[in-house]
Amino acid sequence: MSTTTGFNPLVLSKFLLWAIAVAAATWLLRRGRITPRRRLAFLFLGVLVFGFAYGFLVPANPNPVLALRGVLAGLLAGRTLVPLIALMLVVLLLMSFVSNKSICGWGCQLGLLQDLLYRIPAPKWRPPFWLTNSVRVAATLGLVVGLAWAGADWIKGVDPFGIFSLKVGIGVGAVAGLVLLLSLFVYRPWCRFLCPFGLVSWAVEQVSLMRPRIVREKCVGCRACVRACPTGAMGDFIEGKRIHADCFACGACLGACSREGALSWAGPWEAKKGVTDEV
């Protein structure tokens, strides 16, 4: 995108497609129509369009991390805060608030690629949330401190989003390769261990409107949804914890629940209709 001579209309087109993708995903989630085949098809399409197509068309392909880094650089490193980037961050976080982290689950090109690779048969490791979030907090603090004290951006030289432009240096290529390799064994390693936007959106999703909600009277306690969840978030919902692990709105829990009406993607206003909040 251009920050000096104006606005690249392709950036707006990507935002519109993001909004459509999040709206469509939310619609499917609310109606329980996320199937493995549909999810897989969307992952392929999202990687191709949001990732490689826009990586070819837009020099600075918009992504959630770019938005957050741009705002932090403006606030902490004494640089000019670009209104377009600030607006981008606000819109992305609003999407996370309205429909629990759906922009990460259905729009972020790097997240979609990691999600796609995780589906390849391989031994899986599910790291505990305290570990993933502790590392992510440390990484984000490192970014904030670096920008505030020396204007140093540790992500800039290793940003794995660069792979979508097919113009990568040694640092980017090495980190991206490691992230993609780990994605075979760990669900979304960049998002859960290092992504600063992932940390901020995780904080936002604690108060999100639409999310997995349980009707306790209908739940039989089989924990099929917990076993299907790749991050452990569903276990936190089932146990009624006020703070839950990252939920990427993948819909796996909804597909695993065999008890009609026991689990849905719903808002707090629907409690009157029999949907019981998880806290």
C-alpha atoms as a PDB file:
ATOM      1  CA  MET A   1       0.000   0.000   0.000  1.00  0.00           C
ATOM      2  CA  SER A   2       1.115   3.547  -0.498  1.00  0.00           C
ATOM      3  CA  THR A   3       1.485   5.790   2.510  1.00  0.00           C
ATOM      4  CA  THR A   4       2.704   8.906   0.728  1.00  0.00           C
ATOM      5  CA  THR A   5       1.023   9.249  -2.651  1.00  0.00           C
ATOM      6  CA  GLY A   6      -2.331   7.854  -1.732  1.00  0.00           C
ATOM      7  CA  PHE A   7      -4.181   4.686  -1.415  1.00  0.00           C
ATOM      8  CA  ASN A   8      -3.878   1.525  -3.432  1.00  0.00           C
ATOM      9  CA  PRO A   9      -7.444   0.414  -4.307  1.00  0.00           C
ATOM     10  CA  LEU A  10      -6.307  -3.207  -4.175  1.00  0.00           C
ATOM     11  CA  VAL A  11      -5.839  -2.775  -0.438  1.00  0.00           C
ATOM     12  CA  LEU A  12      -9.509  -1.833  -0.125  1.00  0.00           C
ATOM     13  CA  SER A  13     -10.471  -4.839  -2.243  1.00  0.00           C
ATOM     14  CA  LYS A  14      -8.637  -7.143   0.155  1.00  0.00           C
ATOM     15  CA  PHE A  15     -10.414  -5.586   3.116  1.00  0.00           C
ATOM     16  CA  LEU A  16     -13.733  -6.129   1.415  1.00  0.00           C
ATOM     17  CA  LEU A  17     -12.858  -9.756   0.699  1.00  0.00           C
ATOM     18  CA  TRP A  18     -11.775 -10.192   4.312  1.00  0.00           C
ATOM     19  CA  ALA A  19     -15.094  -8.807   5.491  1.00  0.00           C
ATOM     20  CA  ILE A  20     -16.972 -11.141   3.134  1.00  0.00           C
ATOM     21  CA  ALA A  21     -14.916 -14.119   4.293  1.00  0.00           C
ATOM     22  CA  VAL A  22     -15.524 -13.371   7.983  1.00  0.00           C
ATOM     23  CA  ALA A  23     -19.235 -12.786   7.371  1.00  0.00           C
ATOM     24  CA  ALA A  24     -19.541 -16.027   5.388  1.00  0.00           C
ATOM     25  CA  ALA A  25     -17.596 -17.979   8.010  1.00  0.00           C
ATOM     26  CA  THR A  26     -19.758 -16.579  10.788  1.00  0.00           C
ATOM     27  CA  TRP A  27     -22.901 -17.496   8.873  1.00  0.00           C
ATOM     28  CA  LEU A  28     -21.677 -21.062   8.375  1.00  0.00           C
ATOM     29  CA  LEU A  29     -20.574 -21.357  11.993  1.00  0.00           C
ATOM     30  CA  ARG A  30     -23.902 -20.138  13.307  1.00  0.00           C
ATOM     31  CA  ARG A  31     -25.751 -22.675  11.202  1.00  0.00           C
ATOM     32  CA  GLY A  32     -23.393 -25.532  11.985  1.00  0.00           C
ATOM     33  CA  ARG A  33     -22.445 -25.957   8.349  1.00  0.00           C
ATOM     34  CA  ILE A  34     -18.668 -26.072   8.656  1.00  0.00           C
ATOM     35  CA  THR A  35     -17.630 -29.435   7.238  1.00  0.00           C
ATOM     36  CA  PRO A  36     -14.046 -30.687   6.864  1.00  0.00           C
ATOM     37  CA  ARG A  37     -14.368 -30.454   3.075  1.00  0.00           C
ATOM     38  CA  ARG A  38     -15.649 -26.879   3.161  1.00  0.00           C
ATOM     39  CA  ARG A  39     -12.976 -25.857   5.631  1.00  0.00           C
ATOM     40  CA  LEU A  40     -10.238 -27.436   3.542  1.00  0.00           C
ATOM     41  CA  ALA A  41     -11.518 -25.769   0.370  1.00  0.00           C
ATOM     42  CA  PHE A  42     -11.555 -22.396   2.081  1.00  0.00           C
ATOM     43  CA  LEU A  43      -8.018 -22.857   3.390  1.00  0.00           C
ATOM     44  CA  PHE A  44      -6.758 -23.585  -0.132  1.00  0.00           C
ATOM     45  CA  LEU A  45      -8.659 -20.671  -1.629  1.00  0.00           C
ATOM     46  CA  GLY A  46      -7.646 -18.277   1.154  1.00  0.00           C
ATOM     47  CA  VAL A  47      -3.952 -19.094   0.830  1.00  0.00           C
ATOM     48  CA  LEU A  48      -4.082 -18.619  -2.937  1.00  0.00           C
ATOM     49  CA  VAL A  49      -6.102 -15.390  -2.909  1.00  0.00           C
ATOM     50  CA  PHE A  50      -5.218 -13.601   0.339  1.00  0.00           C
ATOM     51  CA  GLY A  51      -1.666 -14.888   0.219  1.00  0.00           C
ATOM     52  CA  PHE A  52      -0.100 -15.389  -3.170  1.00  0.00           C
ATOM     53  CA  ALA A  53      -2.481 -13.401  -5.399  1.00  0.00           C
ATOM     54  CA  TYR A  54      -2.310 -10.283  -3.239  1.00  0.00           C
ATOM     55  CA  GLY A  55       1.367 -10.927  -2.559  1.00  0.00           C
ATOM     56  CA  PHE A  56       1.916 -10.567  -6.292  1.00  0.00           C
ATOM     57  CA  LEU A  57      -0.454  -7.610  -6.780  1.00  0.00           C
ATOM     58  CA  VAL A  58       0.317  -5.477  -3.700  1.00  0.00           C
ATOM     59  CA  PRO A  59       3.975  -4.819  -2.730  1.00  0.00           C
ATOM     60  CA  ALA A  60       3.082  -4.583   0.987  1.00  0.00           C
ATOM     61  CA  ASN A  61       0.395  -7.260   1.119  1.00  0.00           C
ATOM     62  CA  PRO A  62      -1.891  -6.274   4.039  1.00  0.00           C
ATOM     63  CA  ASN A  63      -1.868  -8.623   7.016  1.00  0.00           C
ATOM     64  CA  PRO A  64      -2.788  -8.294  10.697  1.00  0.00           C
ATOM     65  CA  VAL A  65       0.834  -8.178  11.911  1.00  0.00           C
ATOM     66  CA  LEU A  66       1.676  -5.380   9.471  1.00  0.00           C
ATOM     67  CA  ALA A  67      -1.207  -3.327  10.861  1.00  0.00           C
ATOM     68  CA  LEU A  68      -0.159  -3.775  14.496  1.00  0.00           C
ATOM     69  CA  ARG A  69       3.530  -3.131  13.784  1.00  0.00           C
ATOM     70  CA  GLY A  70       2.646   0.020  11.865  1.00  0.00           C
ATOM     71  CA  VAL A  71       0.652   1.427  14.762  1.00  0.00           C
ATOM     72  CA  LEU A  72       3.267   0.437  17.359  1.00  0.00           C
ATOM     73  CA  ALA A  73       6.049   1.983  15.278  1.00  0.00           C
ATOM     74  CA  GLY A  74       4.109   5.208  15.046  1.00  0.00           C
ATOM     75  CA  LEU A  75       3.360   5.336  18.753  1.00  0.00           C
ATOM     76  CA  LEU A  76       6.646   4.034  20.165  1.00  0.00           C
ATOM     77  CA  ALA A  77       9.355   4.808  17.622  1.00  0.00           C
ATOM     78  CA  GLY A  78       8.365   8.386  16.933  1.00  0.00           C
ATOM     79  CA  ARG A  79       7.251   7.727  13.386  1.00  0.00           C
ATOM     80  CA  THR A  80       4.235   9.234  11.699  1.00  0.00           C
ATOM     81  CA  LEU A  81       1.110   7.232  12.425  1.00  0.00           C
ATOM     82  CA  VAL A  82      -0.483   6.348   9.079  1.00  0.00           C
ATOM     83  CA  PRO A  83      -4.277   6.738   9.399  1.00  0.00           C
ATOM     84  CA  LEU A  84      -4.943   3.925   6.935  1.00  0.00           C
ATOM     85  CA  ILE A  85      -2.883   1.433   8.931  1.00  0.00           C
ATOM     86  CA  ALA A  86      -4.498   2.555  12.194  1.00  0.00           C
ATOM     87  CA  LEU A  87      -7.931   2.096  10.632  1.00  0.00           C
ATOM     88  CA  MET A  88      -6.864  -1.340   9.386  1.00  0.00           C
ATOM     89  CA  LEU A  89      -5.938  -2.414  12.900  1.00  0.00           C
ATOM     90  CA  VAL A  90      -9.208  -1.136  14.357  1.00  0.00           C
ATOM     91  CA  VAL A  91     -11.263  -2.986  11.729  1.00  0.00           C
ATOM     92  CA  LEU A  92      -9.356  -6.233  12.208  1.00  0.00           C
ATOM     93  CA  LEU A  93      -9.768  -6.109  15.979  1.00  0.00           C
ATOM     94  CA  LEU A  94     -13.440  -5.293  15.545  1.00  0.00           C
ATOM     95  CA  MET A  95     -13.796  -8.464  13.468  1.00  0.00           C
ATOM     96  CA  SER A  96     -12.154 -10.392  16.307  1.00  0.00           C
ATOM     97  CA  PHE A  97     -14.595  -8.863  18.778  1.00  0.00           C
ATOM     98  CA  VAL A  98     -17.761  -9.487  16.783  1.00  0.00           C
ATOM     99  CA  SER A  99     -17.001 -13.077  15.769  1.00  0.00           C
ATOM    100  CA  ASN A 100     -14.328 -14.614  17.968  1.00  0.00           C
ATOM    101  CA  LYS A 101     -10.968 -14.182  16.200  1.00  0.00           C
ATOM    102  CA  SER A 102     -12.519 -14.998  12.829  1.00  0.00           C
ATOM    103  CA  ILE A 103     -10.094 -12.746  10.965  1.00  0.00           C
ATOM    104  CA  CYS A 104      -7.253 -14.981  12.155  1.00  0.00           C
ATOM    105  CA  GLY A 105      -9.151 -18.166  11.413  1.00  0.00           C
ATOM    106  CA  TRP A 106     -10.551 -17.183   8.025  1.00  0.00           C
ATOM    107  CA  GLY A 107      -8.597 -14.211   6.667  1.00  0.00           C
ATOM    108  CA  CYS A 108      -4.924 -14.165   7.686  1.00  0.00           C
ATOM    109  CA  GLN A 109      -2.932 -15.745   4.878  1.00  0.00           C
ATOM    110  CA  LEU A 110      -0.150 -17.092   7.083  1.00  0.00           C
ATOM    111  CA  GLY A 111      -2.631 -18.515   9.568  1.00  0.00           C
ATOM    112  CA  LEU A 112      -4.546 -20.247   6.782  1.00  0.00           C
ATOM    113  CA  LEU A 113      -1.353 -21.761   5.367  1.00  0.00           C
ATOM    114  CA  GLN A 114      -0.305 -23.110   8.777  1.00  0.00           C
ATOM    115  CA  ASP A 115      -3.803 -24.488   9.304  1.00  0.00           C
ATOM    116  CA  LEU A 116      -3.658 -26.201   5.922  1.00  0.00           C
ATOM    117  CA  LEU A 117      -0.287 -27.816   6.622  1.00  0.00           C
ATOM    118  CA  TYR A 118      -1.462 -29.081  10.014  1.00  0.00           C
ATOM    119  CA  ARG A 119      -3.936 -31.307   8.181  1.00  0.00           C
ATOM    120  CA  ILE A 120      -1.120 -33.351   6.645  1.00  0.00           C
ATOM    121  CA  PRO A 121      -0.825 -36.642   8.550  1.00  0.00           C
ATOM    122  CA  ALA A 122       2.064 -36.408  11.025  1.00  0.00           C
ATOM    123  CA  PRO A 123       2.591 -36.818  14.778  1.00  0.00           C
ATOM    124  CA  LYS A 124       0.894 -33.923  16.570  1.00  0.00           C
ATOM    125  CA  TRP A 125       1.923 -32.035  19.699  1.00  0.00           C
ATOM    126  CA  ARG A 126      -0.550 -29.854  21.560  1.00  0.00           C
ATOM    127  CA  PRO A 127       1.514 -27.504  23.733  1.00  0.00           C
ATOM    128  CA  PRO A 128      -0.226 -26.157  26.850  1.00  0.00           C
ATOM    129  CA  PHE A 129      -1.647 -22.667  26.637  1.00  0.00           C
ATOM    130  CA  TRP A 130       0.509 -21.338  29.470  1.00  0.00           C
ATOM    131  CA  LEU A 131       3.581 -22.183  27.389  1.00  0.00           C
ATOM    132  CA  THR A 132       2.410 -20.766  24.048  1.00  0.00           C
ATOM    133  CA  ASN A 133       1.088 -17.569  25.579  1.00  0.00           C
ATOM    134  CA  SER A 134       4.131 -17.006  27.790  1.00  0.00           C
ATOM    135  CA  VAL A 135       6.434 -17.167  24.783  1.00  0.00           C
ATOM    136  CA  ARG A 136       4.088 -14.915  22.801  1.00  0.00           C
ATOM    137  CA  VAL A 137       3.947 -12.342  25.590  1.00  0.00           C
ATOM    138  CA  ALA A 138       7.750 -12.297  25.753  1.00  0.00           C
ATOM    139  CA  ALA A 139       8.012 -11.917  21.965  1.00  0.00           C
ATOM    140  CA  THR A 140       5.505  -9.063  21.930  1.00  0.00           C
ATOM    141  CA  LEU A 141       7.212  -7.314  24.822  1.00  0.00           C
ATOM    142  CA  GLY A 142      10.469  -7.642  22.904  1.00  0.00           C
ATOM    143  CA  LEU A 143       8.847  -5.900  19.939  1.00  0.00           C
ATOM    144  CA  VAL A 144       7.411  -3.105  22.108  1.00  0.00           C
ATOM    145  CA  VAL A 145      10.643  -2.519  24.036  1.00  0.00           C
ATOM    146  CA  GLY A 146      12.745  -2.607  20.864  1.00  0.00           C
ATOM    147  CA  LEU A 147      10.545  -0.050  19.132  1.00  0.00           C
ATOM    148  CA  ALA A 148      10.328   2.182  22.197  1.00  0.00           C
ATOM    149  CA  TRP A 149      14.048   2.241  23.053  1.00  0.00           C
ATOM    150  CA  ALA A 150      15.856   1.887  19.752  1.00  0.00           C
ATOM    151  CA  GLY A 151      13.288   1.866  16.994  1.00  0.00           C
ATOM    152  CA  ALA A 152      14.226  -1.779  16.452  1.00  0.00           C
ATOM    153  CA  ASP A 153      11.648  -4.122  14.935  1.00  0.00           C
ATOM    154  CA  TRP A 154      12.719  -7.725  15.447  1.00  0.00           C
ATOM    155  CA  ILE A 155       9.997  -9.012  13.134  1.00  0.00           C
ATOM    156  CA  LYS A 156      11.112  -6.951  10.136  1.00  0.00           C
ATOM    157  CA  GLY A 157      14.068  -9.148   9.269  1.00  0.00           C
ATOM    158  CA  VAL A 158      12.309 -12.472   9.758  1.00  0.00           C
ATOM    159  CA  ASP A 159       8.698 -11.687   8.814  1.00  0.00           C
ATOM    160  CA  PRO A 160       7.323 -14.989   7.426  1.00  0.00           C
ATOM    161  CA  PHE A 161       4.540 -13.130   5.593  1.00  0.00           C
ATOM    162  CA  GLY A 162       7.237 -12.304   3.039  1.00  0.00           C
ATOM    163  CA  ILE A 163       6.947 -15.759   1.507  1.00  0.00           C
ATOM    164  CA  PHE A 164       3.736 -14.741  -0.249  1.00  0.00           C
ATOM    165  CA  SER A 165       5.588 -12.208  -2.406  1.00  0.00           C
ATOM    166  CA  LEU A 166       8.155 -14.898  -3.335  1.00  0.00           C
ATOM    167  CA  LYS A 167      10.904 -12.361  -2.635  1.00  0.00           C
ATOM    168  CA  VAL A 168      12.586 -13.498   0.541  1.00  0.00           C
ATOM    169  CA  GLY A 169      16.010 -13.144   2.056  1.00  0.00           C
ATOM    170  CA  ILE A 170      17.879 -15.681   4.141  1.00  0.00           C
ATOM    171  CA  GLY A 171      16.316 -14.582   7.434  1.00  0.00           C
ATOM    172  CA  VAL A 172      12.746 -14.568   6.177  1.00  0.00           C
ATOM    173  CA  GLY A 173      13.226 -17.799   4.274  1.00  0.00           C
ATOM    174  CA  ALA A 174      14.728 -19.593   7.278  1.00  0.00           C
ATOM    175  CA  VAL A 175      12.050 -18.470   9.725  1.00  0.00           C
ATOM    176  CA  ALA A 176       9.212 -19.078   7.285  1.00  0.00           C
ATOM    177  CA  GLY A 177      10.569 -22.523   6.493  1.00  0.00           C
ATOM    178  CA  LEU A 178      10.798 -23.378  10.187  1.00  0.00           C
ATOM    179  CA  VAL A 179       7.262 -22.114  10.847  1.00  0.00           C
ATOM    180  CA  LEU A 180       5.852 -24.128   7.965  1.00  0.00           C
ATOM    181  CA  LEU A 181       7.758 -27.240   9.003  1.00  0.00           C
ATOM    182  CA  LEU A 182       6.537 -26.953  12.589  1.00  0.00           C
ATOM    183  CA  SER A 183       2.990 -26.490  11.276  1.00  0.00           C
ATOM    184  CA  LEU A 184       2.977 -30.166  10.357  1.00  0.00           C
ATOM    185  CA  PHE A 185       3.219 -31.045  14.050  1.00  0.00           C
ATOM    186  CA  VAL A 186       1.883 -28.019  15.974  1.00  0.00           C
ATOM    187  CA  TYR A 187      -1.296 -26.104  15.216  1.00  0.00           C
ATOM    188  CA  ARG A 188      -0.445 -22.555  14.044  1.00  0.00           C
ATOM    189  CA  PRO A 189       2.968 -22.202  15.726  1.00  0.00           C
ATOM    190  CA  TRP A 190       3.549 -18.619  14.536  1.00  0.00           C
ATOM    191  CA  CYS A 191       0.094 -17.471  15.662  1.00  0.00           C
ATOM    192  CA  ARG A 192       0.308 -19.056  19.098  1.00  0.00           C
ATOM    193  CA  PHE A 193       3.989 -18.599  19.978  1.00  0.00           C
ATOM    194  CA  LEU A 194       5.119 -15.391  18.284  1.00  0.00           C
ATOM    195  CA  CYS A 195       2.402 -13.333  16.612  1.00  0.00           C
ATOM    196  CA  PRO A 196       1.882  -9.961  18.354  1.00  0.00           C
ATOM    197  CA  PHE A 197      -1.483  -9.493  16.671  1.00  0.00           C
ATOM    198  CA  GLY A 198      -2.389 -12.975  17.870  1.00  0.00           C
ATOM    199  CA  LEU A 199      -1.753 -11.830  21.446  1.00  0.00           C
ATOM    200  CA  VAL A 200      -3.812  -8.637  21.100  1.00  0.00           C
ATOM    201  CA  SER A 201      -6.673 -10.415  19.341  1.00  0.00           C
ATOM    202  CA  TRP A 202      -6.556 -13.123  22.028  1.00  0.00           C
ATOM    203  CA  ALA A 203      -7.169 -10.402  24.632  1.00  0.00           C
ATOM    204  CA  VAL A 204     -10.051  -9.045  22.536  1.00  0.00           C
ATOM    205  CA  GLU A 205     -11.643 -12.457  22.062  1.00  0.00           C
ATOM    206  CA  GLN A 206     -12.071 -12.867  25.809  1.00  0.00           C
ATOM    207  CA  VAL A 207     -15.036 -10.505  25.472  1.00  0.00           C
ATOM    208  CA  SER A 208     -16.090 -11.363  21.918  1.00  0.00           C
ATOM    209  CA  LEU A 209     -19.762 -11.422  21.062  1.00  0.00           C
ATOM    210  CA  MET A 210     -20.134 -14.604  19.012  1.00  0.00           C
ATOM    211  CA  ARG A 211     -18.186 -17.659  20.117  1.00  0.00           C
ATOM    212  CA  PRO A 212     -18.802 -21.315  21.041  1.00  0.00           C
ATOM    213  CA  ARG A 213     -21.579 -21.372  23.633  1.00  0.00           C
ATOM    214  CA  ILE A 214     -22.894 -24.394  25.463  1.00  0.00           C
ATOM    215  CA  VAL A 215     -26.387 -25.383  26.594  1.00  0.00           C
ATOM    216  CA  ARG A 216     -25.474 -27.162  29.800  1.00  0.00           C
ATOM    217  CA  GLU A 217     -28.837 -28.905  29.995  1.00  0.00           C
ATOM    218  CA  LYS A 218     -28.229 -30.610  26.654  1.00  0.00           C
ATOM    219  CA  CYS A 219     -24.490 -31.299  26.964  1.00  0.00           C
ATOM    220  CA  VAL A 220     -23.819 -34.921  27.918  1.00  0.00           C
ATOM    221  CA  GLY A 221     -20.181 -34.356  28.856  1.00  0.00           C
ATOM    222  CA  CYS A 222     -18.702 -36.590  26.155  1.00  0.00           C
ATOM    223  CA  ARG A 223     -15.922 -34.012  25.524  1.00  0.00           C
ATOM    224  CA  ALA A 224     -15.846 -34.806  21.805  1.00  0.00           C
ATOM    225  CA  CYS A 225     -15.621 -31.054  21.169  1.00  0.00           C
ATOM    226  CA  VAL A 226     -12.625 -30.822  23.504  1.00  0.00           C
ATOM    227  CA  ARG A 227     -10.794 -33.571  21.661  1.00  0.00           C
ATOM    228  CA  ALA A 228     -11.532 -31.927  18.304  1.00  0.00           C
ATOM    229  CA  CYS A 229     -10.291 -28.482  19.355  1.00  0.00           C
ATOM    230  CA  PRO A 230      -6.667 -28.001  18.219  1.00  0.00           C
ATOM    231  CA  THR A 231      -5.799 -25.314  20.803  1.00  0.00           C
ATOM    232  CA  GLY A 232      -7.464 -26.372  24.047  1.00  0.00           C
ATOM    233  CA  ALA A 233      -9.931 -23.471  23.978  1.00  0.00           C
ATOM    234  CA  MET A 234     -12.936 -25.778  24.037  1.00  0.00           C
ATOM    235  CA  GLY A 235     -11.707 -27.394  27.229  1.00  0.00           C
ATOM    236  CA  ASP A 236     -11.676 -23.948  28.826  1.00  0.00           C
ATOM    237  CA  PHE A 237     -15.207 -23.251  27.588  1.00  0.00           C
ATOM    238  CA  ILE A 238     -16.473 -26.579  28.928  1.00  0.00           C
ATOM    239  CA  GLU A 239     -14.865 -25.924  32.311  1.00  0.00           C
ATOM    240  CA  GLY A 240     -16.351 -22.437  32.451  1.00  0.00           C
ATOM    241  CA  LYS A 241     -13.030 -20.599  32.715  1.00  0.00           C
ATOM    242  CA  ARG A 242     -13.187 -16.831  32.368  1.00  0.00           C
ATOM    243  CA  ILE A 243      -9.925 -16.767  30.392  1.00  0.00           C
ATOM    244  CA  HIS A 244      -9.716 -19.222  27.516  1.00  0.00           C
ATOM    245  CA  ALA A 245      -6.991 -20.251  25.101  1.00  0.00           C
ATOM    246  CA  ASP A 246      -6.965 -19.020  21.506  1.00  0.00           C
ATOM    247  CA  CYS A 247     -10.040 -20.013  19.526  1.00  0.00           C
ATOM    248  CA  PHE A 248      -9.487 -19.610  15.780  1.00  0.00           C
ATOM    249  CA  ALA A 249     -13.126 -20.171  14.824  1.00  0.00           C
ATOM    250  CA  CYS A 250     -12.238 -23.318  12.890  1.00  0.00           C
ATOM    251  CA  GLY A 251     -15.582 -24.968  13.695  1.00  0.00           C
ATOM    252  CA  ALA A 252     -14.061 -28.344  14.593  1.00  0.00           C
ATOM    253  CA  CYS A 253     -15.877 -28.384  17.936  1.00  0.00           C
ATOM    254  CA  LEU A 254     -19.244 -27.790  16.285  1.00  0.00           C
ATOM    255  CA  GLY A 255     -18.652 -30.611  13.828  1.00  0.00           C
ATOM    256  CA  ALA A 256     -17.658 -32.995  16.608  1.00  0.00           C
ATOM    257  CA  CYS A 257     -20.705 -32.371  18.794  1.00  0.00           C
ATOM    258  CA  SER A 258     -23.336 -35.042  18.154  1.00  0.00           C
ATOM    259  CA  ARG A 259     -25.894 -33.672  20.607  1.00  0.00           C
ATOM    260  CA  GLU A 260     -28.270 -31.386  18.721  1.00  0.00           C
ATOM    261  CA  GLY A 261     -28.521 -27.952  20.297  1.00  0.00           C
ATOM    262  CA  ALA A 262     -25.802 -28.581  22.884  1.00  0.00           C
ATOM    263  CA  LEU A 263     -23.167 -26.376  21.236  1.00  0.00           C
ATOM    264  CA  SER A 264     -23.523 -23.430  18.892  1.00  0.00           C
ATOM    265  CA  TRP A 265     -21.761 -20.335  17.613  1.00  0.00           C
ATOM    266  CA  ALA A 266     -23.861 -17.712  19.318  1.00  0.00           C
ATOM    267  CA  GLY A 267     -23.983 -14.360  21.039  1.00  0.00           C
ATOM    268  CA  PRO A 268     -24.871 -13.527  24.654  1.00  0.00           C
ATOM    269  CA  TRP A 269     -28.257 -12.158  23.593  1.00  0.00           C
ATOM    270  CA  GLU A 270     -29.252 -15.700  22.632  1.00  0.00           C
ATOM    271  CA  ALA A 271     -29.117 -16.932  26.217  1.00  0.00           C
ATOM    272  CA  LYS A 272     -32.807 -16.138  26.379  1.00  0.00           C
ATOM    273  CA  LYS A 273     -33.371 -18.743  23.702  1.00  0.00           C
ATOM    274  CA  GLY A 274     -31.659 -21.502  25.641  1.00  0.00           C
ATOM    275  CA  VAL A 275     -28.010 -20.912  24.802  1.00  0.00           C
ATOM    276  CA  THR A 276     -26.099 -20.860  28.056  1.00  0.00           C
ATOM    277  CA  ASP A 277     -22.903 -18.813  28.167  1.00  0.00           C
ATOM    278  CA  GLU A 278     -19.765 -20.688  29.133  1.00  0.00           C
ATOM    279  CA  VAL A 279     -18.979 -18.431  32.092  1.00  0.00           C
END
